[in-house]
Amino acid sequence: MSATERSLSERAETLPRTVPGASGVSMRDLLASCAAATVISTPPRMPDPELTERPEAA
């Protein structure tokens, strides 16, 4: 075990243990908030130049 793995293991042992689901947030609400955050934080993509219509050269 490397020094990094030992220090992470030691830190994990000192963290307070919590009961899963004790926060009172349902999985449905958690997933909905993650989806909403993704939509809000993702910038719009530029249109694909191969799929957009180009004016015909005259």
Protein backbone atom coordinates (compact mmCIF):
# COMPACT_ATOMS: atom_id res chain seq x y z
CA MET A 1 0.00 0.00 0.00
CA SER A 2 1.46 3.36 -0.99
CA ALA A 3 1.73 6.35 1.32
CA THR A 4 -1.11 8.06 -0.54
CA GLU A 5 -3.39 5.06 -0.13
CA ARG A 6 -2.53 4.88 3.59
CA SER A 7 -3.29 8.57 4.14
CA LEU A 8 -6.61 8.27 2.28
CA SER A 9 -7.49 5.20 4.32
CA GLU A 10 -6.64 6.99 7.57
CA ARG A 11 -8.74 10.01 6.55
CA ALA A 12 -11.68 7.78 5.67
CA GLU A 13 -11.53 6.22 9.12
CA THR A 14 -11.65 9.63 10.84
CA LEU A 15 -14.65 10.92 8.87
CA PRO A 16 -17.98 10.70 10.67
CA ARG A 17 -20.12 7.86 9.42
CA THR A 18 -23.59 8.78 8.25
CA VAL A 19 -26.58 6.64 7.52
CA PRO A 20 -27.36 6.52 3.78
CA GLY A 21 -30.56 8.36 3.01
CA ALA A 22 -30.52 10.29 6.27
CA SER A 23 -30.48 13.59 4.39
CA GLY A 24 -34.18 13.30 3.63
CA VAL A 25 -33.73 13.81 -0.12
CA SER A 26 -35.33 11.22 -2.35
CA MET A 27 -33.36 9.64 -5.17
CA ARG A 28 -35.90 11.07 -7.62
CA ASP A 29 -35.27 14.62 -6.37
CA LEU A 30 -31.51 14.09 -6.40
CA LEU A 31 -31.53 12.84 -10.00
CA ALA A 32 -33.84 15.66 -11.09
CA SER A 33 -31.54 18.26 -9.57
CA CYS A 34 -28.52 16.70 -11.27
CA ALA A 35 -30.30 16.73 -14.64
CA ALA A 36 -31.34 20.36 -14.16
CA ALA A 37 -27.80 21.37 -13.20
CA THR A 38 -26.43 19.67 -16.30
CA VAL A 39 -28.89 21.48 -18.56
CA ILE A 40 -28.14 24.84 -16.99
CA SER A 41 -24.37 24.48 -16.86
CA THR A 42 -23.83 23.01 -20.33
CA PRO A 43 -23.27 25.69 -22.99
CA PRO A 44 -25.11 25.31 -26.28
CA ARG A 45 -23.23 23.50 -29.00
CA MET A 46 -22.33 25.07 -32.29
CA PRO A 47 -24.33 23.59 -35.19
CA ASP A 48 -22.56 20.88 -37.17
CA PRO A 49 -21.27 22.58 -40.36
CA GLU A 50 -21.89 19.43 -42.39
CA LEU A 51 -25.56 19.36 -41.42
CA THR A 52 -26.40 23.03 -41.91
CA GLU A 53 -27.64 24.28 -45.24
CA ARG A 54 -25.21 26.28 -47.32
CA PRO A 55 -26.18 28.67 -50.07
CA GLU A 56 -25.39 27.29 -53.49
CA ALA A 57 -22.45 28.96 -55.24
CA ALA A 58 -23.60 30.82 -58.33
